[in-house]
PDB file of all heavy atoms in Angstrom:
ATOM      1  N   ALA A   1       0.835  -1.208   0.000  1.00  0.00           N
ATOM      2  CA  ALA A   1       0.000   0.000   0.000  1.00  0.00           C
ATOM      3  C   ALA A   1       0.870   1.259   0.000  1.00  0.00           C
ATOM      4  O   ALA A   1       0.559   2.246  -0.683  1.00  0.00           O
ATOM      5  CB  ALA A   1      -0.918  -0.007   1.225  1.00  0.00           C
ATOM      6  N   GLU A   2       1.960   1.211   0.742  1.00  0.00           N
ATOM      7  CA  GLU A   2       2.880   2.346   0.803  1.00  0.00           C
ATOM      8  C   GLU A   2       3.526   2.602  -0.552  1.00  0.00           C
ATOM      9  O   GLU A   2       3.603   3.756  -1.014  1.00  0.00           O
ATOM     10  CB  GLU A   2       3.957   2.052   1.846  1.00  0.00           C
ATOM     11  CG  GLU A   2       5.059   3.072   1.944  1.00  0.00           C
ATOM     12  CD  GLU A   2       6.161   2.604   2.889  1.00  0.00           C
ATOM     13  OE1 GLU A   2       5.847   2.209   4.026  1.00  0.00           O
ATOM     14  OE2 GLU A   2       7.347   2.636   2.473  1.00  0.00           O
ATOM     15  N   VAL A   3       3.984   1.539  -1.214  1.00  0.00           N
ATOM     16  CA  VAL A   3       4.630   1.678  -2.517  1.00  0.00           C
ATOM     17  C   VAL A   3       3.636   2.150  -3.568  1.00  0.00           C
ATOM     18  O   VAL A   3       3.934   3.050  -4.371  1.00  0.00           O
ATOM     19  CB  VAL A   3       5.274   0.339  -2.939  1.00  0.00           C
ATOM     20  CG1 VAL A   3       5.748   0.401  -4.390  1.00  0.00           C
ATOM     21  CG2 VAL A   3       6.443  -0.004  -2.023  1.00  0.00           C
ATOM     22  N   ALA A   4       2.427   1.582  -3.576  1.00  0.00           N
ATOM     23  CA  ALA A   4       1.415   1.978  -4.551  1.00  0.00           C
ATOM     24  C   ALA A   4       1.018   3.434  -4.371  1.00  0.00           C
ATOM     25  O   ALA A   4       0.812   4.167  -5.349  1.00  0.00           O
ATOM     26  CB  ALA A   4       0.190   1.071  -4.428  1.00  0.00           C
ATOM     27  N   ASP A   5       0.922   3.870  -3.109  1.00  0.00           N
ATOM     28  CA  ASP A   5       0.574   5.264  -2.831  1.00  0.00           C
ATOM     29  C   ASP A   5       1.682   6.202  -3.304  1.00  0.00           C
ATOM     30  O   ASP A   5       1.414   7.258  -3.893  1.00  0.00           O
ATOM     31  CB  ASP A   5       0.324   5.439  -1.332  1.00  0.00           C
ATOM     32  CG  ASP A   5      -0.070   6.859  -0.977  1.00  0.00           C
ATOM     33  OD1 ASP A   5      -1.153   7.298  -1.411  1.00  0.00           O
ATOM     34  OD2 ASP A   5       0.709   7.546  -0.279  1.00  0.00           O
ATOM     35  N   ARG A   6       2.920   5.796  -3.056  1.00  0.00           N
ATOM     36  CA  ARG A   6       4.053   6.630  -3.476  1.00  0.00           C
ATOM     37  C   ARG A   6       4.150   6.707  -4.990  1.00  0.00           C
ATOM     38  O   ARG A   6       4.431   7.774  -5.557  1.00  0.00           O
ATOM     39  CB  ARG A   6       5.350   6.065  -2.895  1.00  0.00           C
ATOM     40  CG  ARG A   6       6.584   6.906  -3.208  1.00  0.00           C
ATOM     41  CD  ARG A   6       7.842   6.247  -2.664  1.00  0.00           C
ATOM     42  NE  ARG A   6       7.744   5.997  -1.230  1.00  0.00           N
ATOM     43  CZ  ARG A   6       8.697   5.392  -0.528  1.00  0.00           C
ATOM     44  NH1 ARG A   6       9.799   4.959  -1.133  1.00  0.00           N
ATOM     45  NH2 ARG A   6       8.544   5.196   0.765  1.00  0.00           N
ATOM     46  N   ALA A   7       3.903   5.575  -5.658  1.00  0.00           N
ATOM     47  CA  ALA A   7       4.027   5.525  -7.116  1.00  0.00           C
ATOM     48  C   ALA A   7       2.801   6.098  -7.821  1.00  0.00           C
ATOM     49  O   ALA A   7       2.881   6.521  -8.976  1.00  0.00           O
ATOM     50  CB  ALA A   7       4.261   4.089  -7.568  1.00  0.00           C
ATOM     51  N   GLY A   8       1.648   6.039  -7.153  1.00  0.00           N
ATOM     52  CA  GLY A   8       0.424   6.530  -7.761  1.00  0.00           C
ATOM     53  C   GLY A   8      -0.154   5.594  -8.800  1.00  0.00           C
ATOM     54  O   GLY A   8      -0.957   6.010  -9.645  1.00  0.00           O
ATOM     55  N   GLU A   9       0.212   4.313  -8.734  1.00  0.00           N
ATOM     56  CA  GLU A   9      -0.299   3.321  -9.678  1.00  0.00           C
ATOM     57  C   GLU A   9      -0.076   1.920  -9.116  1.00  0.00           C
ATOM     58  O   GLU A   9       0.690   1.737  -8.160  1.00  0.00           O
ATOM     59  CB  GLU A   9       0.400   3.461 -11.025  1.00  0.00           C
ATOM     60  CG  GLU A   9       1.908   3.260 -10.984  1.00  0.00           C
ATOM     61  CD  GLU A   9       2.537   3.414 -12.354  1.00  0.00           C
ATOM     62  OE1 GLU A   9       2.135   2.662 -13.282  1.00  0.00           O
ATOM     63  OE2 GLU A   9       3.423   4.281 -12.503  1.00  0.00           O
ATOM     64  N   PRO A  10      -0.766   0.916  -9.691  1.00  0.00           N
ATOM     65  CA  PRO A  10      -0.569  -0.465  -9.224  1.00  0.00           C
ATOM     66  C   PRO A  10       0.875  -0.927  -9.390  1.00  0.00           C
ATOM     67  O   PRO A  10       1.618  -0.428 -10.245  1.00  0.00           O
ATOM     68  CB  PRO A  10      -1.530  -1.281 -10.094  1.00  0.00           C
ATOM     69  CG  PRO A  10      -2.557  -0.300 -10.529  1.00  0.00           C
ATOM     70  CD  PRO A  10      -1.823   0.997 -10.710  1.00  0.00           C
ATOM     71  N   VAL A  11       1.252  -1.913  -8.598  1.00  0.00           N
ATOM     72  CA  VAL A  11       2.639  -2.368  -8.497  1.00  0.00           C
ATOM     73  C   VAL A  11       2.782  -3.784  -9.054  1.00  0.00           C
ATOM     74  O   VAL A  11       1.920  -4.636  -8.827  1.00  0.00           O
ATOM     75  CB  VAL A  11       3.081  -2.357  -7.014  1.00  0.00           C
ATOM     76  CG1 VAL A  11       4.522  -2.836  -6.870  1.00  0.00           C
ATOM     77  CG2 VAL A  11       2.889  -0.964  -6.410  1.00  0.00           C
ATOM     78  N   THR A  12       3.865  -4.029  -9.764  1.00  0.00           N
ATOM     79  CA  THR A  12       4.200  -5.399 -10.163  1.00  0.00           C
ATOM     80  C   THR A  12       4.975  -6.046  -9.024  1.00  0.00           C
ATOM     81  O   THR A  12       5.947  -5.479  -8.514  1.00  0.00           O
ATOM     82  CB  THR A  12       5.052  -5.423 -11.443  1.00  0.00           C
ATOM     83  OG1 THR A  12       4.263  -4.949 -12.536  1.00  0.00           O
ATOM     84  CG2 THR A  12       5.519  -6.843 -11.755  1.00  0.00           C
ATOM     85  N   LEU A  13       4.546  -7.231  -8.610  1.00  0.00           N
ATOM     86  CA  LEU A  13       5.217  -7.971  -7.546  1.00  0.00           C
ATOM     87  C   LEU A  13       6.089  -9.048  -8.163  1.00  0.00           C
ATOM     88  O   LEU A  13       5.604  -9.860  -8.952  1.00  0.00           O
ATOM     89  CB  LEU A  13       4.189  -8.619  -6.615  1.00  0.00           C
ATOM     90  CG  LEU A  13       3.167  -7.686  -5.959  1.00  0.00           C
ATOM     91  CD1 LEU A  13       2.152  -8.512  -5.173  1.00  0.00           C
ATOM     92  CD2 LEU A  13       3.856  -6.679  -5.056  1.00  0.00           C
ATOM     93  N   VAL A  14       7.364  -9.041  -7.810  1.00  0.00           N
ATOM     94  CA  VAL A  14       8.288 -10.079  -8.280  1.00  0.00           C
ATOM     95  C   VAL A  14       8.786 -10.820  -7.051  1.00  0.00           C
ATOM     96  O   VAL A  14       9.479 -10.254  -6.209  1.00  0.00           O
ATOM     97  CB  VAL A  14       9.476  -9.479  -9.058  1.00  0.00           C
ATOM     98  CG1 VAL A  14      10.445 -10.586  -9.483  1.00  0.00           C
ATOM     99  CG2 VAL A  14       8.981  -8.711 -10.278  1.00  0.00           C
ATOM    100  N   GLY A  15       8.403 -12.094  -6.940  1.00  0.00           N
ATOM    101  CA  GLY A  15       8.778 -12.871  -5.769  1.00  0.00           C
ATOM    102  C   GLY A  15       9.599 -14.087  -6.142  1.00  0.00           C
ATOM    103  O   GLY A  15       9.258 -14.812  -7.080  1.00  0.00           O
ATOM    104  N   HIS A  16      10.670 -14.315  -5.408  1.00  0.00           N
ATOM    105  CA  HIS A  16      11.513 -15.490  -5.632  1.00  0.00           C
ATOM    106  C   HIS A  16      11.122 -16.582  -4.652  1.00  0.00           C
ATOM    107  O   HIS A  16      11.057 -16.341  -3.452  1.00  0.00           O
ATOM    108  CB  HIS A  16      12.987 -15.117  -5.432  1.00  0.00           C
ATOM    109  CG  HIS A  16      13.939 -16.261  -5.638  1.00  0.00           C
ATOM    110  ND1 HIS A  16      15.123 -16.370  -4.961  1.00  0.00           N
ATOM    111  CD2 HIS A  16      13.870 -17.358  -6.450  1.00  0.00           C
ATOM    112  CE1 HIS A  16      15.758 -17.472  -5.332  1.00  0.00           C
ATOM    113  NE2 HIS A  16      15.012 -18.089  -6.239  1.00  0.00           N
ATOM    114  N   SER A  17      10.832 -17.772  -5.153  1.00  0.00           N
ATOM    115  CA  SER A  17      10.538 -18.940  -4.322  1.00  0.00           C
ATOM    116  C   SER A  17       9.369 -18.641  -3.366  1.00  0.00           C
ATOM    117  O   SER A  17       8.269 -18.347  -3.816  1.00  0.00           O
ATOM    118  CB  SER A  17      11.806 -19.352  -3.570  1.00  0.00           C
ATOM    119  OG  SER A  17      11.696 -20.640  -3.029  1.00  0.00           O
ATOM    120  N   ARG A  18       9.592 -18.706  -2.056  1.00  0.00           N
ATOM    121  CA  ARG A  18       8.509 -18.410  -1.107  1.00  0.00           C
ATOM    122  C   ARG A  18       7.971 -16.998  -1.306  1.00  0.00           C
ATOM    123  O   ARG A  18       6.791 -16.733  -1.071  1.00  0.00           O
ATOM    124  CB  ARG A  18       9.019 -18.576   0.326  1.00  0.00           C
ATOM    125  CG  ARG A  18       7.920 -18.539   1.379  1.00  0.00           C
ATOM    126  CD  ARG A  18       8.488 -18.532   2.777  1.00  0.00           C
ATOM    127  NE  ARG A  18       7.445 -18.737   3.779  1.00  0.00           N
ATOM    128  CZ  ARG A  18       7.538 -18.334   5.044  1.00  0.00           C
ATOM    129  NH1 ARG A  18       8.634 -17.701   5.462  1.00  0.00           N
ATOM    130  NH2 ARG A  18       6.556 -18.565   5.889  1.00  0.00           N
ATOM    131  N   GLY A  19       8.825 -16.106  -1.771  1.00  0.00           N
ATOM    132  CA  GLY A  19       8.377 -14.746  -2.040  1.00  0.00           C
ATOM    133  C   GLY A  19       7.292 -14.692  -3.090  1.00  0.00           C
ATOM    134  O   GLY A  19       6.426 -13.810  -3.071  1.00  0.00           O
ATOM    135  N   GLY A  20       7.321 -15.632  -4.049  1.00  0.00           N
ATOM    136  CA  GLY A  20       6.269 -15.691  -5.052  1.00  0.00           C
ATOM    137  C   GLY A  20       4.940 -16.112  -4.467  1.00  0.00           C
ATOM    138  O   GLY A  20       3.876 -15.666  -4.916  1.00  0.00           O
ATOM    139  N   LEU A  21       4.973 -16.971  -3.441  1.00  0.00           N
ATOM    140  CA  LEU A  21       3.743 -17.351  -2.739  1.00  0.00           C
ATOM    141  C   LEU A  21       3.159 -16.135  -2.034  1.00  0.00           C
ATOM    142  O   LEU A  21       1.940 -15.904  -2.069  1.00  0.00           O
ATOM    143  CB  LEU A  21       4.035 -18.453  -1.721  1.00  0.00           C
ATOM    144  CG  LEU A  21       4.607 -19.766  -2.254  1.00  0.00           C
ATOM    145  CD1 LEU A  21       4.836 -20.745  -1.099  1.00  0.00           C
ATOM    146  CD2 LEU A  21       3.689 -20.395  -3.290  1.00  0.00           C
ATOM    147  N   PHE A  22       4.016 -15.373  -1.382  1.00  0.00           N
ATOM    148  CA  PHE A  22       3.550 -14.158  -0.711  1.00  0.00           C
ATOM    149  C   PHE A  22       2.947 -13.188  -1.724  1.00  0.00           C
ATOM    150  O   PHE A  22       1.911 -12.565  -1.474  1.00  0.00           O
ATOM    151  CB  PHE A  22       4.710 -13.478   0.012  1.00  0.00           C
ATOM    152  CG  PHE A  22       5.220 -14.204   1.222  1.00  0.00           C
ATOM    153  CD1 PHE A  22       6.347 -13.756   1.884  1.00  0.00           C
ATOM    154  CD2 PHE A  22       4.582 -15.333   1.715  1.00  0.00           C
ATOM    155  CE1 PHE A  22       6.825 -14.414   3.015  1.00  0.00           C
ATOM    156  CE2 PHE A  22       5.049 -16.002   2.833  1.00  0.00           C
ATOM    157  CZ  PHE A  22       6.178 -15.537   3.488  1.00  0.00           C
ATOM    158  N   ALA A  23       3.608 -13.061  -2.869  1.00  0.00           N
ATOM    159  CA  ALA A  23       3.128 -12.134  -3.898  1.00  0.00           C
ATOM    160  C   ALA A  23       1.750 -12.540  -4.399  1.00  0.00           C
ATOM    161  O   ALA A  23       0.868 -11.691  -4.600  1.00  0.00           O
ATOM    162  CB  ALA A  23       4.126 -12.078  -5.058  1.00  0.00           C
ATOM    163  N   ARG A  24       1.539 -13.826  -4.585  1.00  0.00           N
ATOM    164  CA  ARG A  24       0.236 -14.295  -5.049  1.00  0.00           C
ATOM    165  C   ARG A  24      -0.844 -14.029  -4.012  1.00  0.00           C
ATOM    166  O   ARG A  24      -1.964 -13.625  -4.355  1.00  0.00           O
ATOM    167  CB  ARG A  24       0.285 -15.784  -5.385  1.00  0.00           C
ATOM    168  CG  ARG A  24      -0.922 -16.240  -6.186  1.00  0.00           C
ATOM    169  CD  ARG A  24      -0.951 -17.731  -6.415  1.00  0.00           C
ATOM    170  NE  ARG A  24      -1.995 -18.087  -7.351  1.00  0.00           N
ATOM    171  CZ  ARG A  24      -3.301 -18.071  -7.072  1.00  0.00           C
ATOM    172  NH1 ARG A  24      -3.709 -17.716  -5.862  1.00  0.00           N
ATOM    173  NH2 ARG A  24      -4.195 -18.388  -7.995  1.00  0.00           N
ATOM    174  N   ALA A  25      -0.514 -14.240  -2.740  1.00  0.00           N
ATOM    175  CA  ALA A  25      -1.483 -13.960  -1.678  1.00  0.00           C
ATOM    176  C   ALA A  25      -1.818 -12.466  -1.634  1.00  0.00           C
ATOM    177  O   ALA A  25      -2.982 -12.086  -1.436  1.00  0.00           O
ATOM    178  CB  ALA A  25      -0.927 -14.419  -0.330  1.00  0.00           C
ATOM    179  N   LEU A  26      -0.826 -11.618  -1.849  1.00  0.00           N
ATOM    180  CA  LEU A  26      -1.064 -10.178  -1.857  1.00  0.00           C
ATOM    181  C   LEU A  26      -1.992  -9.774  -3.002  1.00  0.00           C
ATOM    182  O   LEU A  26      -2.845  -8.892  -2.851  1.00  0.00           O
ATOM    183  CB  LEU A  26       0.259  -9.424  -1.993  1.00  0.00           C
ATOM    184  CG  LEU A  26       1.161  -9.385  -0.770  1.00  0.00           C
ATOM    185  CD1 LEU A  26       2.506  -8.769  -1.139  1.00  0.00           C
ATOM    186  CD2 LEU A  26       0.509  -8.576   0.347  1.00  0.00           C
ATOM    187  N   ALA A  27      -1.830 -10.429  -4.149  1.00  0.00           N
ATOM    188  CA  ALA A  27      -2.667 -10.117  -5.305  1.00  0.00           C
ATOM    189  C   ALA A  27      -4.124 -10.464  -5.047  1.00  0.00           C
ATOM    190  O   ALA A  27      -5.039  -9.815  -5.571  1.00  0.00           O
ATOM    191  CB  ALA A  27      -2.162 -10.856  -6.539  1.00  0.00           C
ATOM    192  N   VAL A  28      -4.367 -11.493  -4.227  1.00  0.00           N
ATOM    193  CA  VAL A  28      -5.731 -11.863  -3.864  1.00  0.00           C
ATOM    194  C   VAL A  28      -6.299 -10.865  -2.864  1.00  0.00           C
ATOM    195  O   VAL A  28      -7.459 -10.459  -2.951  1.00  0.00           O
ATOM    196  CB  VAL A  28      -5.757 -13.296  -3.278  1.00  0.00           C
ATOM    197  CG1 VAL A  28      -7.127 -13.625  -2.697  1.00  0.00           C
ATOM    198  CG2 VAL A  28      -5.395 -14.312  -4.362  1.00  0.00           C
ATOM    199  N   ARG A  29      -5.485 -10.438  -1.911  1.00  0.00           N
ATOM    200  CA  ARG A  29      -5.966  -9.526  -0.863  1.00  0.00           C
ATOM    201  C   ARG A  29      -6.151  -8.092  -1.340  1.00  0.00           C
ATOM    202  O   ARG A  29      -7.071  -7.406  -0.913  1.00  0.00           O
ATOM    203  CB  ARG A  29      -4.987  -9.536   0.321  1.00  0.00           C
ATOM    204  CG  ARG A  29      -4.891 -10.867   1.005  1.00  0.00           C
ATOM    205  CD  ARG A  29      -4.104 -10.800   2.279  1.00  0.00           C
ATOM    206  NE  ARG A  29      -3.917 -12.136   2.813  1.00  0.00           N
ATOM    207  CZ  ARG A  29      -3.478 -12.403   4.025  1.00  0.00           C
ATOM    208  NH1 ARG A  29      -3.174 -11.411   4.843  1.00  0.00           N
ATOM    209  NH2 ARG A  29      -3.329 -13.650   4.424  1.00  0.00           N
ATOM    210  N   SER A  30      -5.232  -7.642  -2.180  1.00  0.00           N
ATOM    211  CA  SER A  30      -5.267  -6.235  -2.613  1.00  0.00           C
ATOM    212  C   SER A  30      -5.147  -6.143  -4.127  1.00  0.00           C
ATOM    213  O   SER A  30      -4.180  -5.568  -4.652  1.00  0.00           O
ATOM    214  CB  SER A  30      -4.133  -5.456  -1.932  1.00  0.00           C
ATOM    215  OG  SER A  30      -4.232  -5.517  -0.529  1.00  0.00           O
ATOM    216  N   PRO A  31      -6.097  -6.706  -4.867  1.00  0.00           N
ATOM    217  CA  PRO A  31      -5.976  -6.744  -6.332  1.00  0.00           C
ATOM    218  C   PRO A  31      -5.893  -5.374  -6.973  1.00  0.00           C
ATOM    219  O   PRO A  31      -5.273  -5.223  -8.024  1.00  0.00           O
ATOM    220  CB  PRO A  31      -7.230  -7.505  -6.766  1.00  0.00           C
ATOM    221  CG  PRO A  31      -8.202  -7.325  -5.640  1.00  0.00           C
ATOM    222  CD  PRO A  31      -7.366  -7.301  -4.403  1.00  0.00           C
ATOM    223  N   GLY A  32      -6.504  -4.367  -6.348  1.00  0.00           N
ATOM    224  CA  GLY A  32      -6.460  -3.034  -6.923  1.00  0.00           C
ATOM    225  C   GLY A  32      -5.095  -2.385  -6.855  1.00  0.00           C
ATOM    226  O   GLY A  32      -4.839  -1.402  -7.566  1.00  0.00           O
ATOM    227  N   LEU A  33      -4.215  -2.919  -6.017  1.00  0.00           N
ATOM    228  CA  LEU A  33      -2.871  -2.344  -5.860  1.00  0.00           C
ATOM    229  C   LEU A  33      -1.817  -3.110  -6.656  1.00  0.00           C
ATOM    230  O   LEU A  33      -0.655  -2.714  -6.665  1.00  0.00           O
ATOM    231  CB  LEU A  33      -2.469  -2.336  -4.378  1.00  0.00           C
ATOM    232  CG  LEU A  33      -3.378  -1.571  -3.419  1.00  0.00           C
ATOM    233  CD1 LEU A  33      -2.817  -1.637  -2.006  1.00  0.00           C
ATOM    234  CD2 LEU A  33      -3.548  -0.130  -3.869  1.00  0.00           C
ATOM    235  N   VAL A  34      -2.219  -4.212  -7.286  1.00  0.00           N
ATOM    236  CA  VAL A  34      -1.260  -5.096  -7.968  1.00  0.00           C
ATOM    237  C   VAL A  34      -1.525  -5.108  -9.473  1.00  0.00           C
ATOM    238  O   VAL A  34      -2.642  -5.394  -9.907  1.00  0.00           O
ATOM    239  CB  VAL A  34      -1.348  -6.527  -7.411  1.00  0.00           C
ATOM    240  CG1 VAL A  34      -0.399  -7.457  -8.166  1.00  0.00           C
ATOM    241  CG2 VAL A  34      -1.036  -6.541  -5.916  1.00  0.00           C
ATOM    242  N   ARG A  35      -0.488  -4.816 -10.245  1.00  0.00           N
ATOM    243  CA  ARG A  35      -0.620  -4.882 -11.704  1.00  0.00           C
ATOM    244  C   ARG A  35      -0.485  -6.323 -12.188  1.00  0.00           C
ATOM    245  O   ARG A  35      -1.253  -6.794 -13.011  1.00  0.00           O
ATOM    246  CB  ARG A  35       0.453  -4.012 -12.376  1.00  0.00           C
ATOM    247  CG  ARG A  35       0.305  -3.957 -13.895  1.00  0.00           C
ATOM    248  CD  ARG A  35       1.316  -3.024 -14.531  1.00  0.00           C
ATOM    249  NE  ARG A  35       1.224  -1.677 -14.016  1.00  0.00           N
ATOM    250  CZ  ARG A  35       0.297  -0.786 -14.384  1.00  0.00           C
ATOM    251  NH1 ARG A  35      -0.628  -1.135 -15.275  1.00  0.00           N
ATOM    252  NH2 ARG A  35       0.286   0.418 -13.883  1.00  0.00           N
ATOM    253  N   ARG A  36       0.508  -7.020 -11.643  1.00  0.00           N
ATOM    254  CA  ARG A  36       0.727  -8.422 -12.000  1.00  0.00           C
ATOM    255  C   ARG A  36       1.658  -9.038 -10.969  1.00  0.00           C
ATOM    256  O   ARG A  36       2.301  -8.340 -10.194  1.00  0.00           O
ATOM    257  CB  ARG A  36       1.337  -8.562 -13.397  1.00  0.00           C
ATOM    258  CG  ARG A  36       2.747  -8.063 -13.508  1.00  0.00           C
ATOM    259  CD  ARG A  36       3.322  -8.232 -14.883  1.00  0.00           C
ATOM    260  NE  ARG A  36       2.603  -7.490 -15.898  1.00  0.00           N
ATOM    261  CZ  ARG A  36       2.769  -6.188 -16.136  1.00  0.00           C
ATOM    262  NH1 ARG A  36       3.613  -5.490 -15.398  1.00  0.00           N
ATOM    263  NH2 ARG A  36       2.106  -5.582 -17.074  1.00  0.00           N
ATOM    264  N   VAL A  37       1.721 -10.362 -10.990  1.00  0.00           N
ATOM    265  CA  VAL A  37       2.642 -11.119 -10.144  1.00  0.00           C
ATOM    266  C   VAL A  37       3.598 -11.881 -11.047  1.00  0.00           C
ATOM    267  O   VAL A  37       3.176 -12.520 -12.016  1.00  0.00           O
ATOM    268  CB  VAL A  37       1.883 -12.119  -9.245  1.00  0.00           C
ATOM    269  CG1 VAL A  37       2.857 -13.072  -8.536  1.00  0.00           C
ATOM    270  CG2 VAL A  37       1.029 -11.383  -8.222  1.00  0.00           C
ATOM    271  N   VAL A  38       4.885 -11.811 -10.737  1.00  0.00           N
ATOM    272  CA  VAL A  38       5.884 -12.628 -11.421  1.00  0.00           C
ATOM    273  C   VAL A  38       6.556 -13.486 -10.358  1.00  0.00           C
ATOM    274  O   VAL A  38       7.204 -12.967  -9.442  1.00  0.00           O
ATOM    275  CB  VAL A  38       6.934 -11.774 -12.160  1.00  0.00           C
ATOM    276  CG1 VAL A  38       7.910 -12.687 -12.914  1.00  0.00           C
ATOM    277  CG2 VAL A  38       6.270 -10.798 -13.119  1.00  0.00           C
ATOM    278  N   ALA A  39       6.384 -14.796 -10.455  1.00  0.00           N
ATOM    279  CA  ALA A  39       6.931 -15.728  -9.480  1.00  0.00           C
ATOM    280  C   ALA A  39       8.134 -16.445 -10.078  1.00  0.00           C
ATOM    281  O   ALA A  39       8.046 -17.012 -11.171  1.00  0.00           O
ATOM    282  CB  ALA A  39       5.875 -16.738  -9.053  1.00  0.00           C
ATOM    283  N   LEU A  40       9.249 -16.416  -9.369  1.00  0.00           N
ATOM    284  CA  LEU A  40      10.485 -17.051  -9.834  1.00  0.00           C
ATOM    285  C   LEU A  40      10.722 -18.335  -9.044  1.00  0.00           C
ATOM    286  O   LEU A  40      11.092 -18.291  -7.870  1.00  0.00           O
ATOM    287  CB  LEU A  40      11.677 -16.107  -9.657  1.00  0.00           C
ATOM    288  CG  LEU A  40      11.523 -14.672 -10.174  1.00  0.00           C
ATOM    289  CD1 LEU A  40      12.790 -13.876  -9.888  1.00  0.00           C
ATOM    290  CD2 LEU A  40      11.203 -14.662 -11.658  1.00  0.00           C
ATOM    291  N   GLY A  41      10.483 -19.475  -9.671  1.00  0.00           N
ATOM    292  CA  GLY A  41      10.714 -20.742  -9.000  1.00  0.00           C
ATOM    293  C   GLY A  41       9.863 -20.945  -7.768  1.00  0.00           C
ATOM    294  O   GLY A  41      10.321 -21.531  -6.778  1.00  0.00           O
ATOM    295  N   SER A  42       8.623 -20.501  -7.812  1.00  0.00           N
ATOM    296  CA  SER A  42       7.723 -20.596  -6.659  1.00  0.00           C
ATOM    297  C   SER A  42       6.785 -21.789  -6.796  1.00  0.00           C
ATOM    298  O   SER A  42       6.172 -21.967  -7.849  1.00  0.00           O
ATOM    299  CB  SER A  42       6.882 -19.317  -6.539  1.00  0.00           C
ATOM    300  OG  SER A  42       7.712 -18.172  -6.428  1.00  0.00           O
ATOM    301  N   PRO A  43       6.638 -22.587  -5.753  1.00  0.00           N
ATOM    302  CA  PRO A  43       5.750 -23.761  -5.820  1.00  0.00           C
ATOM    303  C   PRO A  43       4.283 -23.365  -5.703  1.00  0.00           C
ATOM    304  O   PRO A  43       3.603 -23.709  -4.731  1.00  0.00           O
ATOM    305  CB  PRO A  43       6.220 -24.609  -4.634  1.00  0.00           C
ATOM    306  CG  PRO A  43       6.713 -23.617  -3.642  1.00  0.00           C
ATOM    307  CD  PRO A  43       7.353 -22.518  -4.461  1.00  0.00           C
ATOM    308  N   LEU A  44       3.782 -22.658  -6.694  1.00  0.00           N
ATOM    309  CA  LEU A  44       2.429 -22.118  -6.646  1.00  0.00           C
ATOM    310  C   LEU A  44       1.365 -23.206  -6.635  1.00  0.00           C
ATOM    311  O   LEU A  44       0.266 -23.008  -6.121  1.00  0.00           O
ATOM    312  CB  LEU A  44       2.199 -21.186  -7.835  1.00  0.00           C
ATOM    313  CG  LEU A  44       3.070 -19.930  -7.887  1.00  0.00           C
ATOM    314  CD1 LEU A  44       2.831 -19.177  -9.189  1.00  0.00           C
ATOM    315  CD2 LEU A  44       2.786 -19.017  -6.695  1.00  0.00           C
TER     316      LEU A  44
END
């Protein structure tokens, strides 16, 4: 929310491994703040 507010637009989330799982969960919780999710080697 802080990054999206600062940028003034939705954010692309790039998560590595477990970080990609977190990114996907964030996209479900705050879809209006997320442009897309890119997961690197994440067991989605």
